[in-house]
N, C-alpha and C. Protein backbone atom coordinates (compact mmCIF):
# COMPACT_ATOMS: atom_id res chain seq x y z
N MET A 1 0.85 -1.18 0.00
CA MET A 1 0.00 0.00 0.00
C MET A 1 0.89 1.24 0.00
N ASN A 2 0.61 2.17 -0.90
CA ASN A 2 1.37 3.41 -0.96
C ASN A 2 0.93 4.34 0.16
N PHE A 3 1.89 5.07 0.71
CA PHE A 3 1.60 6.03 1.77
C PHE A 3 2.67 7.10 1.76
N THR A 4 2.38 8.20 2.41
CA THR A 4 3.41 9.21 2.70
C THR A 4 3.31 9.52 4.18
N THR A 5 4.44 9.79 4.78
CA THR A 5 4.40 10.12 6.21
C THR A 5 3.65 11.43 6.47
N PRO A 6 3.71 12.43 5.58
CA PRO A 6 2.88 13.62 5.83
C PRO A 6 1.38 13.31 5.86
N ASP A 7 0.93 12.46 4.94
CA ASP A 7 -0.49 12.09 4.94
C ASP A 7 -0.86 11.30 6.19
N LEU A 8 0.00 10.38 6.60
CA LEU A 8 -0.26 9.62 7.83
C LEU A 8 -0.28 10.55 9.04
N TYR A 9 0.65 11.48 9.07
CA TYR A 9 0.68 12.43 10.17
C TYR A 9 -0.62 13.23 10.23
N ASP A 10 -1.04 13.75 9.08
CA ASP A 10 -2.27 14.55 9.05
C ASP A 10 -3.49 13.75 9.49
N ALA A 11 -3.55 12.49 9.10
CA ALA A 11 -4.71 11.66 9.43
C ALA A 11 -4.68 11.12 10.86
N HIS A 12 -3.49 11.06 11.46
CA HIS A 12 -3.36 10.42 12.79
C HIS A 12 -2.50 11.25 13.74
N GLU A 13 -2.56 12.55 13.62
CA GLU A 13 -1.67 13.45 14.35
C GLU A 13 -1.59 13.15 15.85
N LYS A 14 -2.71 12.83 16.46
CA LYS A 14 -2.73 12.62 17.91
C LYS A 14 -2.17 11.26 18.32
N ASP A 15 -2.03 10.34 17.35
CA ASP A 15 -1.61 8.98 17.66
C ASP A 15 -0.16 8.67 17.30
N VAL A 16 0.49 9.55 16.53
CA VAL A 16 1.84 9.26 16.04
C VAL A 16 2.90 10.10 16.73
N ARG A 17 4.12 9.56 16.74
CA ARG A 17 5.30 10.28 17.21
C ARG A 17 6.23 10.45 16.00
N VAL A 18 6.90 11.58 15.92
CA VAL A 18 7.76 11.88 14.77
C VAL A 18 9.22 11.89 15.22
N ALA A 19 10.03 11.08 14.57
CA ALA A 19 11.46 11.06 14.86
C ALA A 19 12.12 12.32 14.33
N GLU A 20 13.13 12.80 15.05
CA GLU A 20 13.90 13.95 14.57
C GLU A 20 14.58 13.56 13.26
N PRO A 21 14.74 14.51 12.34
CA PRO A 21 15.27 14.20 11.00
C PRO A 21 16.79 14.03 10.99
N LEU A 22 17.26 12.93 11.56
CA LEU A 22 18.69 12.64 11.63
C LEU A 22 19.15 11.61 10.61
N LEU A 23 18.21 10.86 10.06
CA LEU A 23 18.53 9.68 9.26
C LEU A 23 18.45 9.96 7.76
N ARG A 24 19.38 9.37 7.03
CA ARG A 24 19.41 9.49 5.57
C ARG A 24 18.88 8.21 4.95
N ASP A 25 18.35 8.32 3.73
CA ASP A 25 17.84 7.16 3.00
C ASP A 25 18.95 6.51 2.18
N TYR A 26 19.05 5.19 2.27
CA TYR A 26 20.05 4.45 1.50
C TYR A 26 19.47 3.27 0.74
N GLY A 27 18.36 2.72 1.16
CA GLY A 27 17.82 1.51 0.54
C GLY A 27 17.14 1.77 -0.79
N GLY A 28 16.89 0.69 -1.51
CA GLY A 28 16.23 0.78 -2.80
C GLY A 28 14.73 1.00 -2.71
N ALA A 29 14.13 0.76 -1.54
CA ALA A 29 12.69 1.01 -1.36
C ALA A 29 12.52 2.43 -0.82
N ALA A 30 11.72 3.23 -1.52
CA ALA A 30 11.54 4.62 -1.14
C ALA A 30 10.77 4.78 0.16
N SER A 31 9.88 3.84 0.45
CA SER A 31 9.11 3.89 1.70
C SER A 31 8.97 2.47 2.22
N PHE A 32 8.82 2.37 3.53
CA PHE A 32 8.65 1.06 4.15
C PHE A 32 7.98 1.22 5.49
N HIS A 33 7.37 0.15 5.95
CA HIS A 33 6.70 0.17 7.25
C HIS A 33 6.55 -1.24 7.76
N GLY A 34 6.30 -1.33 9.07
CA GLY A 34 6.06 -2.64 9.66
C GLY A 34 6.19 -2.60 11.15
N PRO A 35 5.90 -3.72 11.80
CA PRO A 35 6.10 -3.82 13.24
C PRO A 35 7.59 -3.72 13.56
N ILE A 36 7.89 -3.16 14.70
CA ILE A 36 9.27 -2.91 15.11
C ILE A 36 9.86 -4.12 15.83
N ALA A 37 11.10 -4.45 15.45
CA ALA A 37 11.97 -5.35 16.20
C ALA A 37 13.23 -4.54 16.48
N THR A 38 13.91 -4.78 17.59
CA THR A 38 15.06 -3.95 17.93
C THR A 38 16.29 -4.75 18.32
N VAL A 39 17.44 -4.12 18.13
CA VAL A 39 18.69 -4.56 18.71
C VAL A 39 19.41 -3.31 19.22
N ARG A 40 20.11 -3.46 20.34
CA ARG A 40 20.96 -2.39 20.88
C ARG A 40 22.38 -2.94 20.91
N VAL A 41 23.26 -2.32 20.14
CA VAL A 41 24.64 -2.78 20.03
C VAL A 41 25.57 -1.56 20.00
N TYR A 42 26.85 -1.81 20.15
CA TYR A 42 27.82 -0.73 20.00
C TYR A 42 29.04 -1.26 19.26
N GLU A 43 29.16 -0.86 18.01
CA GLU A 43 30.28 -1.21 17.14
C GLU A 43 30.46 -2.72 17.01
N ASP A 44 29.37 -3.47 17.12
CA ASP A 44 29.36 -4.93 17.02
C ASP A 44 28.04 -5.32 16.35
N ASN A 45 28.11 -5.92 15.16
CA ASN A 45 26.86 -6.23 14.46
C ASN A 45 26.44 -7.69 14.54
N SER A 46 26.99 -8.45 15.47
CA SER A 46 26.64 -9.87 15.60
C SER A 46 25.14 -10.07 15.81
N LEU A 47 24.54 -9.27 16.69
CA LEU A 47 23.10 -9.43 16.95
C LEU A 47 22.25 -8.92 15.79
N VAL A 48 22.79 -7.99 15.02
CA VAL A 48 22.07 -7.53 13.82
C VAL A 48 21.95 -8.72 12.86
N ARG A 49 23.05 -9.39 12.60
CA ARG A 49 23.02 -10.57 11.72
C ARG A 49 22.08 -11.64 12.28
N ALA A 50 22.17 -11.90 13.58
CA ALA A 50 21.32 -12.94 14.19
C ALA A 50 19.84 -12.62 13.98
N ALA A 51 19.47 -11.36 14.15
CA ALA A 51 18.07 -10.97 13.95
C ALA A 51 17.66 -11.15 12.49
N LEU A 52 18.51 -10.71 11.57
CA LEU A 52 18.17 -10.76 10.15
C LEU A 52 18.19 -12.18 9.58
N GLU A 53 18.80 -13.11 10.29
CA GLU A 53 18.77 -14.51 9.86
C GLU A 53 17.41 -15.14 10.14
N GLU A 54 16.62 -14.51 10.98
CA GLU A 54 15.28 -15.01 11.30
C GLU A 54 14.26 -14.46 10.30
N PRO A 55 13.10 -15.11 10.16
CA PRO A 55 12.06 -14.57 9.29
C PRO A 55 11.63 -13.18 9.75
N GLY A 56 11.62 -12.23 8.82
CA GLY A 56 11.25 -10.86 9.15
C GLY A 56 9.75 -10.64 9.22
N ALA A 57 9.00 -11.37 8.41
CA ALA A 57 7.54 -11.27 8.39
C ALA A 57 7.07 -9.81 8.26
N GLY A 58 7.78 -9.03 7.43
CA GLY A 58 7.37 -7.65 7.19
C GLY A 58 7.76 -6.67 8.28
N ARG A 59 8.58 -7.11 9.24
CA ARG A 59 9.00 -6.21 10.32
C ARG A 59 10.11 -5.28 9.86
N VAL A 60 10.36 -4.26 10.69
CA VAL A 60 11.46 -3.32 10.49
C VAL A 60 12.42 -3.50 11.66
N LEU A 61 13.69 -3.77 11.35
CA LEU A 61 14.69 -3.91 12.40
C LEU A 61 15.27 -2.54 12.71
N VAL A 62 15.09 -2.10 13.94
CA VAL A 62 15.64 -0.83 14.41
C VAL A 62 16.92 -1.16 15.18
N VAL A 63 18.04 -0.64 14.69
CA VAL A 63 19.35 -0.93 15.26
C VAL A 63 19.84 0.32 15.98
N ASP A 64 19.90 0.26 17.30
CA ASP A 64 20.46 1.37 18.07
C ASP A 64 21.94 1.09 18.25
N GLY A 65 22.74 1.72 17.42
CA GLY A 65 24.19 1.58 17.48
C GLY A 65 24.84 2.67 18.30
N GLY A 66 24.06 3.32 19.15
CA GLY A 66 24.61 4.36 19.99
C GLY A 66 25.05 5.61 19.24
N GLY A 67 24.69 5.69 17.96
CA GLY A 67 25.07 6.85 17.16
C GLY A 67 26.53 6.84 16.74
N SER A 68 27.23 5.73 16.93
CA SER A 68 28.64 5.67 16.57
C SER A 68 28.81 5.81 15.06
N LEU A 69 29.77 6.63 14.69
CA LEU A 69 30.12 6.82 13.29
C LEU A 69 31.46 6.16 12.97
N ARG A 70 31.99 5.36 13.88
CA ARG A 70 33.34 4.79 13.75
C ARG A 70 33.39 3.52 12.91
N CYS A 71 32.24 2.86 12.69
CA CYS A 71 32.21 1.65 11.86
C CYS A 71 30.78 1.43 11.38
N ALA A 72 30.64 0.53 10.43
CA ALA A 72 29.32 0.21 9.88
C ALA A 72 28.73 -0.99 10.59
N LEU A 73 27.42 -0.95 10.79
CA LEU A 73 26.69 -2.06 11.41
C LEU A 73 25.93 -2.89 10.39
N VAL A 74 25.72 -2.36 9.19
CA VAL A 74 25.00 -3.06 8.12
C VAL A 74 25.74 -2.81 6.81
N GLY A 75 25.90 -3.88 6.04
CA GLY A 75 26.47 -3.78 4.70
C GLY A 75 25.56 -4.47 3.71
N ASP A 76 26.02 -4.58 2.48
CA ASP A 76 25.16 -5.15 1.44
C ASP A 76 24.78 -6.60 1.72
N GLN A 77 25.67 -7.39 2.31
CA GLN A 77 25.34 -8.79 2.60
C GLN A 77 24.20 -8.90 3.60
N LEU A 78 24.20 -8.04 4.62
CA LEU A 78 23.10 -8.07 5.59
C LEU A 78 21.82 -7.52 4.98
N ALA A 79 21.93 -6.54 4.09
CA ALA A 79 20.73 -6.02 3.42
C ALA A 79 20.11 -7.10 2.53
N VAL A 80 20.93 -7.87 1.81
CA VAL A 80 20.43 -8.97 1.00
C VAL A 80 19.78 -10.02 1.89
N LEU A 81 20.42 -10.36 3.00
CA LEU A 81 19.86 -11.32 3.95
C LEU A 81 18.51 -10.85 4.47
N ALA A 82 18.42 -9.57 4.82
CA ALA A 82 17.16 -9.01 5.32
C ALA A 82 16.07 -9.13 4.27
N ARG A 83 16.38 -8.76 3.06
CA ARG A 83 15.39 -8.82 1.97
C ARG A 83 14.94 -10.27 1.74
N ARG A 84 15.90 -11.17 1.67
CA ARG A 84 15.60 -12.58 1.43
C ARG A 84 14.73 -13.17 2.53
N ASN A 85 14.91 -12.71 3.76
CA ASN A 85 14.16 -13.25 4.89
C ASN A 85 12.90 -12.46 5.22
N GLY A 86 12.50 -11.55 4.35
CA GLY A 86 11.20 -10.91 4.49
C GLY A 86 11.12 -9.71 5.42
N TRP A 87 12.26 -9.06 5.69
CA TRP A 87 12.24 -7.83 6.48
C TRP A 87 11.83 -6.68 5.56
N ALA A 88 11.05 -5.74 6.08
CA ALA A 88 10.61 -4.59 5.28
C ALA A 88 11.69 -3.52 5.22
N GLY A 89 12.51 -3.43 6.27
CA GLY A 89 13.52 -2.39 6.28
C GLY A 89 14.36 -2.41 7.53
N LEU A 90 15.34 -1.49 7.52
CA LEU A 90 16.24 -1.30 8.66
C LEU A 90 16.39 0.18 8.94
N ILE A 91 16.39 0.51 10.20
CA ILE A 91 16.65 1.88 10.65
C ILE A 91 17.85 1.77 11.58
N VAL A 92 18.95 2.44 11.21
CA VAL A 92 20.22 2.26 11.92
C VAL A 92 20.68 3.57 12.54
N HIS A 93 20.75 3.59 13.86
CA HIS A 93 21.32 4.73 14.58
C HIS A 93 22.82 4.51 14.64
N GLY A 94 23.44 4.65 13.48
CA GLY A 94 24.85 4.39 13.26
C GLY A 94 25.09 4.41 11.77
N CYS A 95 26.14 3.73 11.33
CA CYS A 95 26.52 3.76 9.92
C CYS A 95 26.24 2.44 9.21
N ILE A 96 26.15 2.56 7.89
CA ILE A 96 26.12 1.41 7.00
C ILE A 96 27.32 1.51 6.08
N ARG A 97 27.56 0.47 5.30
CA ARG A 97 28.57 0.51 4.24
C ARG A 97 27.99 -0.15 3.01
N ASP A 98 28.72 -0.10 1.91
CA ASP A 98 28.22 -0.65 0.64
C ASP A 98 26.94 0.07 0.20
N SER A 99 26.93 1.38 0.37
CA SER A 99 25.70 2.14 0.14
C SER A 99 25.20 2.05 -1.30
N ALA A 100 26.09 2.02 -2.28
CA ALA A 100 25.64 1.92 -3.67
C ALA A 100 24.93 0.59 -3.91
N ALA A 101 25.49 -0.48 -3.38
CA ALA A 101 24.87 -1.80 -3.53
C ALA A 101 23.54 -1.86 -2.78
N ILE A 102 23.48 -1.29 -1.60
CA ILE A 102 22.24 -1.28 -0.81
C ILE A 102 21.16 -0.50 -1.54
N GLY A 103 21.55 0.55 -2.23
CA GLY A 103 20.59 1.34 -3.00
C GLY A 103 19.93 0.57 -4.13
N ALA A 104 20.55 -0.55 -4.53
CA ALA A 104 19.98 -1.37 -5.60
C ALA A 104 19.13 -2.52 -5.07
N ILE A 105 19.03 -2.64 -3.75
CA ILE A 105 18.25 -3.72 -3.13
C ILE A 105 16.89 -3.17 -2.73
N ASN A 106 15.83 -3.89 -3.05
CA ASN A 106 14.48 -3.43 -2.76
C ASN A 106 14.14 -3.64 -1.28
N ILE A 107 14.76 -2.81 -0.46
CA ILE A 107 14.51 -2.83 0.98
C ILE A 107 14.73 -1.41 1.49
N GLY A 108 13.97 -1.02 2.49
CA GLY A 108 14.15 0.29 3.08
C GLY A 108 15.33 0.29 4.04
N VAL A 109 16.21 1.28 3.92
CA VAL A 109 17.33 1.43 4.84
C VAL A 109 17.53 2.90 5.14
N LYS A 110 17.49 3.23 6.41
CA LYS A 110 17.82 4.57 6.87
C LYS A 110 18.95 4.45 7.88
N ALA A 111 19.90 5.38 7.84
CA ALA A 111 21.03 5.37 8.75
C ALA A 111 21.55 6.79 8.90
N LEU A 112 22.43 6.97 9.88
CA LEU A 112 23.03 8.28 10.09
C LEU A 112 24.00 8.66 8.97
N ASN A 113 24.82 7.66 8.53
CA ASN A 113 25.84 7.95 7.53
C ASN A 113 26.46 6.64 7.06
N THR A 114 27.56 6.76 6.33
CA THR A 114 28.28 5.59 5.85
C THR A 114 29.70 5.59 6.42
N ASN A 115 30.29 4.39 6.47
CA ASN A 115 31.67 4.23 6.89
C ASN A 115 32.15 2.89 6.31
N PRO A 116 33.31 2.85 5.65
CA PRO A 116 33.77 1.60 5.06
C PRO A 116 34.26 0.57 6.09
N ARG A 117 34.54 0.99 7.31
CA ARG A 117 35.07 0.08 8.34
C ARG A 117 33.98 -0.86 8.83
N LYS A 118 34.29 -2.16 8.89
CA LYS A 118 33.34 -3.12 9.42
C LYS A 118 33.39 -3.13 10.95
N SER A 119 32.35 -3.67 11.54
CA SER A 119 32.27 -3.72 13.00
C SER A 119 32.99 -4.95 13.53
N VAL A 120 33.15 -5.01 14.84
CA VAL A 120 33.69 -6.21 15.48
C VAL A 120 32.56 -7.23 15.60
N LYS A 121 32.90 -8.44 15.95
CA LYS A 121 31.92 -9.53 16.08
C LYS A 121 32.16 -10.21 17.43
N ARG A 122 31.56 -9.68 18.48
CA ARG A 122 31.72 -10.25 19.82
C ARG A 122 30.41 -10.79 20.39
N GLY A 123 29.31 -10.51 19.72
CA GLY A 123 28.02 -10.99 20.21
C GLY A 123 27.44 -10.17 21.35
N ALA A 124 27.95 -8.96 21.54
CA ALA A 124 27.48 -8.12 22.64
C ALA A 124 26.26 -7.31 22.22
N GLY A 125 25.38 -7.06 23.18
CA GLY A 125 24.22 -6.23 22.94
C GLY A 125 22.95 -6.84 23.49
N GLU A 126 21.83 -6.23 23.12
CA GLU A 126 20.51 -6.67 23.59
C GLU A 126 19.55 -6.71 22.42
N ARG A 127 18.58 -7.61 22.51
CA ARG A 127 17.54 -7.71 21.49
C ARG A 127 16.17 -7.50 22.10
N ASN A 128 15.27 -6.96 21.25
CA ASN A 128 13.86 -6.78 21.61
C ASN A 128 13.67 -6.01 22.91
N VAL A 129 14.39 -4.88 23.01
CA VAL A 129 14.23 -3.95 24.12
C VAL A 129 13.88 -2.59 23.53
N PRO A 130 13.16 -1.75 24.26
CA PRO A 130 12.93 -0.39 23.75
C PRO A 130 14.25 0.34 23.59
N VAL A 131 14.39 1.06 22.48
CA VAL A 131 15.59 1.86 22.22
C VAL A 131 15.17 3.28 21.91
N THR A 132 15.96 4.23 22.36
CA THR A 132 15.61 5.64 22.18
C THR A 132 16.71 6.38 21.45
N PHE A 133 16.34 7.04 20.37
CA PHE A 133 17.21 7.97 19.64
C PHE A 133 16.32 8.81 18.74
N ALA A 134 16.84 9.87 18.21
CA ALA A 134 16.09 10.79 17.34
C ALA A 134 14.85 11.34 18.06
N GLY A 135 14.92 11.44 19.39
CA GLY A 135 13.84 12.04 20.15
C GLY A 135 12.62 11.16 20.36
N VAL A 136 12.70 9.88 20.00
CA VAL A 136 11.57 8.97 20.17
C VAL A 136 12.07 7.62 20.69
N THR A 137 11.14 6.85 21.25
CA THR A 137 11.45 5.50 21.69
C THR A 137 10.81 4.51 20.73
N PHE A 138 11.63 3.61 20.22
CA PHE A 138 11.18 2.54 19.32
C PHE A 138 10.93 1.31 20.20
N THR A 139 9.66 0.92 20.31
CA THR A 139 9.27 -0.19 21.17
C THR A 139 8.91 -1.40 20.33
N PRO A 140 9.52 -2.56 20.61
CA PRO A 140 9.18 -3.75 19.84
C PRO A 140 7.67 -4.01 19.83
N GLY A 141 7.15 -4.32 18.65
CA GLY A 141 5.73 -4.58 18.49
C GLY A 141 4.92 -3.38 18.06
N GLU A 142 5.43 -2.16 18.33
CA GLU A 142 4.76 -0.98 17.79
C GLU A 142 5.06 -0.91 16.30
N HIS A 143 4.55 0.12 15.63
CA HIS A 143 4.69 0.20 14.17
C HIS A 143 5.46 1.44 13.77
N VAL A 144 6.26 1.29 12.73
CA VAL A 144 7.04 2.39 12.20
C VAL A 144 6.71 2.56 10.72
N TYR A 145 6.70 3.80 10.28
CA TYR A 145 6.40 4.18 8.90
C TYR A 145 7.50 5.14 8.46
N ALA A 146 8.18 4.86 7.35
CA ALA A 146 9.31 5.67 6.93
C ALA A 146 9.26 5.94 5.43
N ASP A 147 9.62 7.15 5.07
CA ASP A 147 9.76 7.52 3.66
C ASP A 147 10.75 8.68 3.57
N ALA A 148 10.82 9.32 2.41
CA ALA A 148 11.77 10.41 2.20
C ALA A 148 11.52 11.60 3.12
N ASP A 149 10.31 11.73 3.65
CA ASP A 149 9.98 12.86 4.52
C ASP A 149 10.25 12.59 5.99
N GLY A 150 10.45 11.34 6.38
CA GLY A 150 10.75 11.09 7.77
C GLY A 150 10.29 9.75 8.29
N VAL A 151 10.25 9.68 9.62
CA VAL A 151 9.92 8.44 10.32
C VAL A 151 8.83 8.74 11.35
N LEU A 152 7.74 7.98 11.28
CA LEU A 152 6.63 8.07 12.24
C LEU A 152 6.54 6.77 13.01
N LEU A 153 6.13 6.86 14.27
CA LEU A 153 5.88 5.69 15.09
C LEU A 153 4.48 5.76 15.64
N CYS A 154 3.88 4.59 15.81
CA CYS A 154 2.53 4.53 16.36
C CYS A 154 2.39 3.23 17.14
N ALA A 155 1.66 3.27 18.22
CA ALA A 155 1.43 2.08 19.04
C ALA A 155 0.59 1.06 18.29
N ARG A 156 -0.19 1.53 17.31
CA ARG A 156 -1.07 0.61 16.58
C ARG A 156 -0.77 0.68 15.08
N LYS A 157 -1.25 -0.34 14.38
CA LYS A 157 -1.08 -0.40 12.93
C LYS A 157 -1.99 0.63 12.27
N LEU A 158 -1.42 1.41 11.33
CA LEU A 158 -2.20 2.43 10.61
C LEU A 158 -2.57 2.00 9.21
N LEU A 159 -1.85 1.10 8.62
CA LEU A 159 -2.11 0.66 7.23
C LEU A 159 -2.42 -0.83 7.20
C-alpha cells in the first residue's frame, strides 16, 4: 500500500510520534513500514546478523548503534539477507557501508551515515528492548512508517 508520512501524520496526528530528522535514505525502497523489532549494540553487528537470519515477516529492524560513526553495522550482505528473509527495512542509529549496492536492493534502509570500516563480532548487545534515539522511543511490536519525509511511530497499525 502506498503512503506518505505527511499524509499519515495529518490523518493520525494525535496517535503518532515523529522522529527527529537525523537519518538518511540508503535503501532501494523509497518507503517502508512494519512492526518494530530492535537490537541495541555498540560497534558490534553480531546481533544484527542474528536478527536478520530469522524470518522478518514484514517487520522493520531498528538498530540502536549508539550513534557511533566509527564503523558500519550493516552492509550489502546483511541487506540482502534481510530482503531474502522478508524484512521490510532497517533503521540504523549508526553507519552502514556498501551504500551503492544497498541502493539497488528493494529494501528500506535509513542510517546516520556511511563508513567503510566493518564492526567487530563479539556478540554483545541486547535484542527486543525499547531503544531511544532521534527524540523517540522505538518499542518492539509498535509500528514504524518511513519515507523520504521522515519516520513516524505509532502504538497501533495504521495501514
